[in-house]
Amino acid sequence: SENGNCVTVTSQRYADMLVTFALPALDEYVDEYTLFQQDGATSHSARISLDFLRLAFPGRLISRNGDIPWPARSPDLTAPNFFLWGYLKSRVFMGNPPRTKEELKERIRQEINS
């Protein structure tokens, strides 16, 4: 809100919020492996917003029109499934596949922690 009044989140307001608040607050937690995920709201997928996010998360932006596509008609919480499980499967089954359920669980833990 501005001066206690509700406002519409335009692409410019969203970009300003990213630059002024969100990205500086995230800075100490972000490394070259950190992904940024957002929903497909118009202000989030506007060019100005995506430009700022691509600078902060090059090649690691999960969004409509982002580097990693947001699945169409997807509720917000399924995007990690869309990306994470496919990624983990490719890593966990690389080389020799796990032979037991416990080995599978351990490899998943190792990949998540790496």
N, C-alpha and C. Protein backbone atom coordinates (compact mmCIF):
# COMPACT_ATOMS: atom_id res chain seq x y z
N SER A 1 0.84 -1.19 0.00
CA SER A 1 0.00 0.00 0.00
C SER A 1 0.88 1.24 0.00
N GLU A 2 0.32 2.31 -0.47
CA GLU A 2 1.00 3.61 -0.45
C GLU A 2 0.20 4.53 0.46
N ASN A 3 0.85 5.07 1.46
CA ASN A 3 0.19 5.96 2.42
C ASN A 3 -1.04 5.31 3.04
N GLY A 4 -0.97 4.00 3.27
CA GLY A 4 -2.09 3.30 3.89
C GLY A 4 -3.21 2.94 2.94
N ASN A 5 -3.09 3.28 1.67
CA ASN A 5 -4.12 2.96 0.69
C ASN A 5 -3.69 1.76 -0.14
N CYS A 6 -4.65 0.90 -0.47
CA CYS A 6 -4.35 -0.23 -1.35
C CYS A 6 -4.11 0.27 -2.76
N VAL A 7 -3.18 -0.37 -3.44
CA VAL A 7 -2.87 0.01 -4.82
C VAL A 7 -2.79 -1.25 -5.68
N THR A 8 -2.95 -1.07 -6.96
CA THR A 8 -2.78 -2.16 -7.91
C THR A 8 -1.29 -2.41 -8.11
N VAL A 9 -0.90 -3.67 -8.14
CA VAL A 9 0.51 -4.00 -8.36
C VAL A 9 0.76 -4.01 -9.86
N THR A 10 1.27 -2.90 -10.35
CA THR A 10 1.63 -2.78 -11.76
C THR A 10 3.02 -3.37 -11.97
N SER A 11 3.40 -3.53 -13.22
CA SER A 11 4.74 -4.06 -13.49
C SER A 11 5.82 -3.12 -12.94
N GLN A 12 5.60 -1.81 -13.01
CA GLN A 12 6.57 -0.86 -12.48
C GLN A 12 6.66 -0.96 -10.95
N ARG A 13 5.51 -1.07 -10.28
CA ARG A 13 5.53 -1.21 -8.81
C ARG A 13 6.22 -2.51 -8.40
N TYR A 14 5.94 -3.58 -9.13
CA TYR A 14 6.56 -4.87 -8.82
C TYR A 14 8.08 -4.79 -9.02
N ALA A 15 8.51 -4.22 -10.12
CA ALA A 15 9.94 -4.06 -10.39
C ALA A 15 10.60 -3.20 -9.31
N ASP A 16 9.94 -2.12 -8.91
CA ASP A 16 10.47 -1.26 -7.84
C ASP A 16 10.59 -2.04 -6.54
N MET A 17 9.59 -2.87 -6.23
CA MET A 17 9.62 -3.68 -5.01
C MET A 17 10.76 -4.68 -5.06
N LEU A 18 10.97 -5.29 -6.22
CA LEU A 18 12.09 -6.23 -6.37
C LEU A 18 13.42 -5.55 -6.09
N VAL A 19 13.64 -4.41 -6.73
CA VAL A 19 14.92 -3.70 -6.62
C VAL A 19 15.12 -3.11 -5.23
N THR A 20 14.07 -2.56 -4.65
CA THR A 20 14.19 -1.86 -3.38
C THR A 20 14.19 -2.79 -2.17
N PHE A 21 13.36 -3.83 -2.22
CA PHE A 21 13.18 -4.67 -1.03
C PHE A 21 13.59 -6.14 -1.22
N ALA A 22 12.96 -6.81 -2.18
CA ALA A 22 13.11 -8.26 -2.28
C ALA A 22 14.53 -8.70 -2.61
N LEU A 23 15.11 -8.18 -3.68
CA LEU A 23 16.44 -8.63 -4.07
C LEU A 23 17.51 -8.29 -3.03
N PRO A 24 17.50 -7.08 -2.44
CA PRO A 24 18.48 -6.83 -1.37
C PRO A 24 18.30 -7.76 -0.17
N ALA A 25 17.04 -8.08 0.18
CA ALA A 25 16.80 -8.97 1.32
C ALA A 25 17.27 -10.39 1.04
N LEU A 26 17.20 -10.81 -0.22
CA LEU A 26 17.61 -12.16 -0.59
C LEU A 26 19.11 -12.28 -0.85
N ASP A 27 19.79 -11.18 -1.03
CA ASP A 27 21.17 -11.17 -1.49
C ASP A 27 22.09 -12.09 -0.70
N GLU A 28 21.99 -12.10 0.61
CA GLU A 28 22.91 -12.92 1.40
C GLU A 28 22.62 -14.42 1.30
N TYR A 29 21.44 -14.78 0.78
CA TYR A 29 21.05 -16.18 0.67
C TYR A 29 21.23 -16.76 -0.74
N VAL A 30 21.47 -15.91 -1.70
CA VAL A 30 21.51 -16.32 -3.10
C VAL A 30 22.92 -16.71 -3.51
N ASP A 31 23.03 -17.87 -4.19
CA ASP A 31 24.30 -18.24 -4.81
C ASP A 31 24.01 -18.64 -6.25
N GLU A 32 25.00 -19.20 -6.93
CA GLU A 32 24.82 -19.50 -8.36
C GLU A 32 23.89 -20.68 -8.62
N TYR A 33 23.40 -21.33 -7.55
CA TYR A 33 22.47 -22.45 -7.71
C TYR A 33 21.04 -22.08 -7.31
N THR A 34 20.85 -20.91 -6.76
CA THR A 34 19.54 -20.50 -6.27
C THR A 34 18.60 -20.21 -7.43
N LEU A 35 17.41 -20.79 -7.35
CA LEU A 35 16.36 -20.54 -8.33
C LEU A 35 15.38 -19.53 -7.74
N PHE A 36 14.76 -18.75 -8.60
CA PHE A 36 13.71 -17.83 -8.17
C PHE A 36 12.44 -18.27 -8.87
N GLN A 37 11.38 -18.49 -8.09
CA GLN A 37 10.11 -18.95 -8.64
C GLN A 37 9.03 -17.93 -8.33
N GLN A 38 8.22 -17.64 -9.33
CA GLN A 38 7.08 -16.76 -9.12
C GLN A 38 5.93 -17.23 -10.00
N ASP A 39 4.73 -16.80 -9.65
CA ASP A 39 3.57 -17.21 -10.44
C ASP A 39 3.48 -16.39 -11.72
N GLY A 40 2.43 -16.62 -12.48
CA GLY A 40 2.31 -15.99 -13.78
C GLY A 40 1.54 -14.69 -13.79
N ALA A 41 1.46 -14.00 -12.67
CA ALA A 41 0.75 -12.71 -12.64
C ALA A 41 1.35 -11.78 -13.68
N THR A 42 0.51 -10.97 -14.28
CA THR A 42 0.94 -10.08 -15.35
C THR A 42 2.11 -9.20 -14.93
N SER A 43 2.04 -8.64 -13.73
CA SER A 43 3.14 -7.76 -13.28
C SER A 43 4.44 -8.55 -13.08
N HIS A 44 4.34 -9.84 -12.76
CA HIS A 44 5.53 -10.66 -12.56
C HIS A 44 6.19 -11.02 -13.88
N SER A 45 5.39 -11.19 -14.92
CA SER A 45 5.95 -11.64 -16.20
C SER A 45 6.16 -10.50 -17.19
N ALA A 46 6.01 -9.27 -16.73
CA ALA A 46 6.27 -8.11 -17.59
C ALA A 46 7.77 -8.02 -17.86
N ARG A 47 8.12 -7.47 -18.98
CA ARG A 47 9.53 -7.39 -19.39
C ARG A 47 10.41 -6.71 -18.33
N ILE A 48 9.94 -5.61 -17.76
CA ILE A 48 10.75 -4.88 -16.77
C ILE A 48 11.05 -5.77 -15.56
N SER A 49 10.06 -6.53 -15.10
CA SER A 49 10.25 -7.42 -13.95
C SER A 49 11.21 -8.55 -14.29
N LEU A 50 10.98 -9.17 -15.45
CA LEU A 50 11.84 -10.28 -15.86
C LEU A 50 13.28 -9.84 -16.09
N ASP A 51 13.48 -8.64 -16.59
CA ASP A 51 14.84 -8.14 -16.80
C ASP A 51 15.61 -8.06 -15.48
N PHE A 52 14.98 -7.52 -14.43
CA PHE A 52 15.65 -7.45 -13.13
C PHE A 52 15.93 -8.84 -12.57
N LEU A 53 14.96 -9.73 -12.70
CA LEU A 53 15.12 -11.07 -12.15
C LEU A 53 16.16 -11.88 -12.91
N ARG A 54 16.24 -11.69 -14.21
CA ARG A 54 17.25 -12.42 -14.99
C ARG A 54 18.67 -11.96 -14.64
N LEU A 55 18.81 -10.70 -14.27
CA LEU A 55 20.13 -10.23 -13.82
C LEU A 55 20.52 -10.89 -12.50
N ALA A 56 19.55 -11.01 -11.60
CA ALA A 56 19.83 -11.58 -10.28
C ALA A 56 19.91 -13.11 -10.31
N PHE A 57 19.15 -13.75 -11.20
CA PHE A 57 19.08 -15.22 -11.27
C PHE A 57 19.26 -15.69 -12.72
N PRO A 58 20.42 -15.47 -13.32
CA PRO A 58 20.60 -15.81 -14.73
C PRO A 58 20.42 -17.31 -14.99
N GLY A 59 19.46 -17.62 -15.88
CA GLY A 59 19.19 -19.00 -16.24
C GLY A 59 18.44 -19.78 -15.19
N ARG A 60 18.01 -19.11 -14.10
CA ARG A 60 17.41 -19.81 -12.97
C ARG A 60 16.07 -19.22 -12.55
N LEU A 61 15.35 -18.65 -13.48
CA LEU A 61 14.07 -18.00 -13.20
C LEU A 61 12.93 -18.91 -13.64
N ILE A 62 12.15 -19.40 -12.67
CA ILE A 62 10.96 -20.21 -12.95
C ILE A 62 9.78 -19.25 -12.96
N SER A 63 9.23 -19.02 -14.16
CA SER A 63 8.18 -18.01 -14.31
C SER A 63 7.55 -18.14 -15.69
N ARG A 64 6.37 -17.59 -15.84
CA ARG A 64 5.82 -17.45 -17.19
C ARG A 64 6.78 -16.53 -17.94
N ASN A 65 7.20 -16.93 -19.11
CA ASN A 65 8.21 -16.22 -19.92
C ASN A 65 9.59 -16.20 -19.26
N GLY A 66 9.81 -17.07 -18.30
CA GLY A 66 11.11 -17.13 -17.63
C GLY A 66 12.04 -18.13 -18.30
N ASP A 67 13.20 -18.35 -17.69
CA ASP A 67 14.19 -19.28 -18.23
C ASP A 67 13.72 -20.72 -18.12
N ILE A 68 13.05 -21.03 -17.02
CA ILE A 68 12.45 -22.35 -16.81
C ILE A 68 10.95 -22.12 -16.82
N PRO A 69 10.24 -22.71 -17.77
CA PRO A 69 8.82 -22.38 -17.93
C PRO A 69 7.96 -22.81 -16.76
N TRP A 70 7.00 -21.97 -16.46
CA TRP A 70 5.99 -22.27 -15.46
C TRP A 70 4.95 -23.15 -16.16
N PRO A 71 4.57 -24.28 -15.59
CA PRO A 71 3.60 -25.15 -16.27
C PRO A 71 2.25 -24.45 -16.45
N ALA A 72 1.69 -24.58 -17.63
CA ALA A 72 0.41 -23.92 -17.94
C ALA A 72 -0.70 -24.39 -17.01
N ARG A 73 -1.57 -23.46 -16.62
CA ARG A 73 -2.72 -23.72 -15.76
C ARG A 73 -2.36 -24.48 -14.49
N SER A 74 -1.21 -24.17 -13.97
CA SER A 74 -0.72 -24.87 -12.79
C SER A 74 -0.99 -24.08 -11.52
N PRO A 75 -1.54 -24.72 -10.49
CA PRO A 75 -1.61 -24.04 -9.19
C PRO A 75 -0.20 -23.72 -8.70
N ASP A 76 -0.08 -22.73 -7.88
CA ASP A 76 1.23 -22.25 -7.45
C ASP A 76 2.14 -23.34 -6.88
N LEU A 77 1.60 -24.27 -6.12
CA LEU A 77 2.47 -25.20 -5.41
C LEU A 77 2.91 -26.40 -6.24
N THR A 78 2.45 -26.55 -7.46
CA THR A 78 2.90 -27.69 -8.24
C THR A 78 4.16 -27.41 -9.05
N ALA A 79 4.56 -26.19 -9.17
CA ALA A 79 5.78 -25.89 -9.95
C ALA A 79 7.01 -26.59 -9.39
N PRO A 80 7.21 -26.68 -8.05
CA PRO A 80 8.36 -27.45 -7.58
C PRO A 80 8.31 -28.90 -8.06
N ASN A 81 7.11 -29.49 -8.10
CA ASN A 81 7.00 -30.85 -8.62
C ASN A 81 7.41 -30.89 -10.08
N PHE A 82 6.97 -29.92 -10.84
CA PHE A 82 7.27 -29.84 -12.27
C PHE A 82 8.77 -29.83 -12.51
N PHE A 83 9.50 -29.06 -11.74
CA PHE A 83 10.94 -28.96 -11.93
C PHE A 83 11.71 -29.96 -11.07
N LEU A 84 11.45 -29.97 -9.77
CA LEU A 84 12.29 -30.69 -8.81
C LEU A 84 12.34 -32.18 -9.06
N TRP A 85 11.19 -32.82 -9.23
CA TRP A 85 11.21 -34.28 -9.33
C TRP A 85 11.84 -34.75 -10.63
N GLY A 86 11.63 -34.04 -11.72
CA GLY A 86 12.31 -34.40 -12.97
C GLY A 86 13.81 -34.24 -12.85
N TYR A 87 14.23 -33.15 -12.21
CA TYR A 87 15.65 -32.90 -12.01
C TYR A 87 16.26 -33.98 -11.11
N LEU A 88 15.60 -34.26 -9.98
CA LEU A 88 16.12 -35.27 -9.06
C LEU A 88 16.21 -36.64 -9.73
N LYS A 89 15.18 -37.00 -10.49
CA LYS A 89 15.20 -38.30 -11.16
C LYS A 89 16.40 -38.41 -12.09
N SER A 90 16.68 -37.35 -12.85
CA SER A 90 17.82 -37.40 -13.77
C SER A 90 19.13 -37.55 -13.02
N ARG A 91 19.23 -36.97 -11.84
CA ARG A 91 20.47 -37.05 -11.05
C ARG A 91 20.58 -38.37 -10.29
N VAL A 92 19.49 -38.80 -9.67
CA VAL A 92 19.51 -40.00 -8.83
C VAL A 92 19.74 -41.27 -9.66
N PHE A 93 19.20 -41.30 -10.88
CA PHE A 93 19.32 -42.49 -11.70
C PHE A 93 20.49 -42.42 -12.69
N MET A 94 21.34 -41.39 -12.56
CA MET A 94 22.51 -41.27 -13.41
C MET A 94 23.49 -42.39 -13.05
N GLY A 95 24.03 -43.05 -14.05
CA GLY A 95 24.96 -44.16 -13.76
C GLY A 95 24.20 -45.40 -13.35
N ASN A 96 24.57 -45.97 -12.23
CA ASN A 96 23.89 -47.18 -11.73
C ASN A 96 22.64 -46.80 -10.97
N PRO A 97 21.47 -47.33 -11.37
CA PRO A 97 20.25 -47.00 -10.63
C PRO A 97 20.28 -47.59 -9.22
N PRO A 98 19.62 -46.94 -8.28
CA PRO A 98 19.55 -47.49 -6.92
C PRO A 98 18.86 -48.85 -6.94
N ARG A 99 19.31 -49.76 -6.06
CA ARG A 99 18.75 -51.12 -6.06
C ARG A 99 17.74 -51.34 -4.95
N THR A 100 17.76 -50.50 -3.94
CA THR A 100 16.81 -50.67 -2.83
C THR A 100 16.11 -49.34 -2.56
N LYS A 101 15.01 -49.44 -1.84
CA LYS A 101 14.28 -48.22 -1.48
C LYS A 101 15.15 -47.33 -0.60
N GLU A 102 15.91 -47.92 0.31
CA GLU A 102 16.78 -47.12 1.18
C GLU A 102 17.88 -46.42 0.39
N GLU A 103 18.44 -47.11 -0.59
CA GLU A 103 19.46 -46.48 -1.44
C GLU A 103 18.85 -45.33 -2.24
N LEU A 104 17.64 -45.52 -2.73
CA LEU A 104 16.93 -44.46 -3.46
C LEU A 104 16.73 -43.25 -2.55
N LYS A 105 16.25 -43.47 -1.34
CA LYS A 105 16.04 -42.36 -0.39
C LYS A 105 17.35 -41.63 -0.10
N GLU A 106 18.41 -42.39 0.09
CA GLU A 106 19.71 -41.78 0.42
C GLU A 106 20.23 -40.94 -0.75
N ARG A 107 20.07 -41.42 -1.95
CA ARG A 107 20.52 -40.64 -3.11
C ARG A 107 19.70 -39.36 -3.27
N ILE A 108 18.41 -39.44 -3.01
CA ILE A 108 17.57 -38.24 -3.07
C ILE A 108 18.04 -37.24 -2.02
N ARG A 109 18.29 -37.71 -0.80
CA ARG A 109 18.80 -36.81 0.26
C ARG A 109 20.12 -36.17 -0.16
N GLN A 110 21.02 -36.96 -0.71
CA GLN A 110 22.33 -36.44 -1.12
C GLN A 110 22.18 -35.36 -2.19
N GLU A 111 21.31 -35.59 -3.16
CA GLU A 111 21.11 -34.59 -4.22
C GLU A 111 20.50 -33.31 -3.69
N ILE A 112 19.53 -33.43 -2.79
CA ILE A 112 18.90 -32.24 -2.22
C ILE A 112 19.91 -31.45 -1.40
N ASN A 113 20.78 -32.14 -0.70
CA ASN A 113 21.77 -31.46 0.14
C ASN A 113 22.99 -30.96 -0.63
N SER A 114 23.14 -31.36 -1.89
CA SER A 114 24.33 -30.93 -2.64
C SER A 114 24.13 -29.58 -3.28
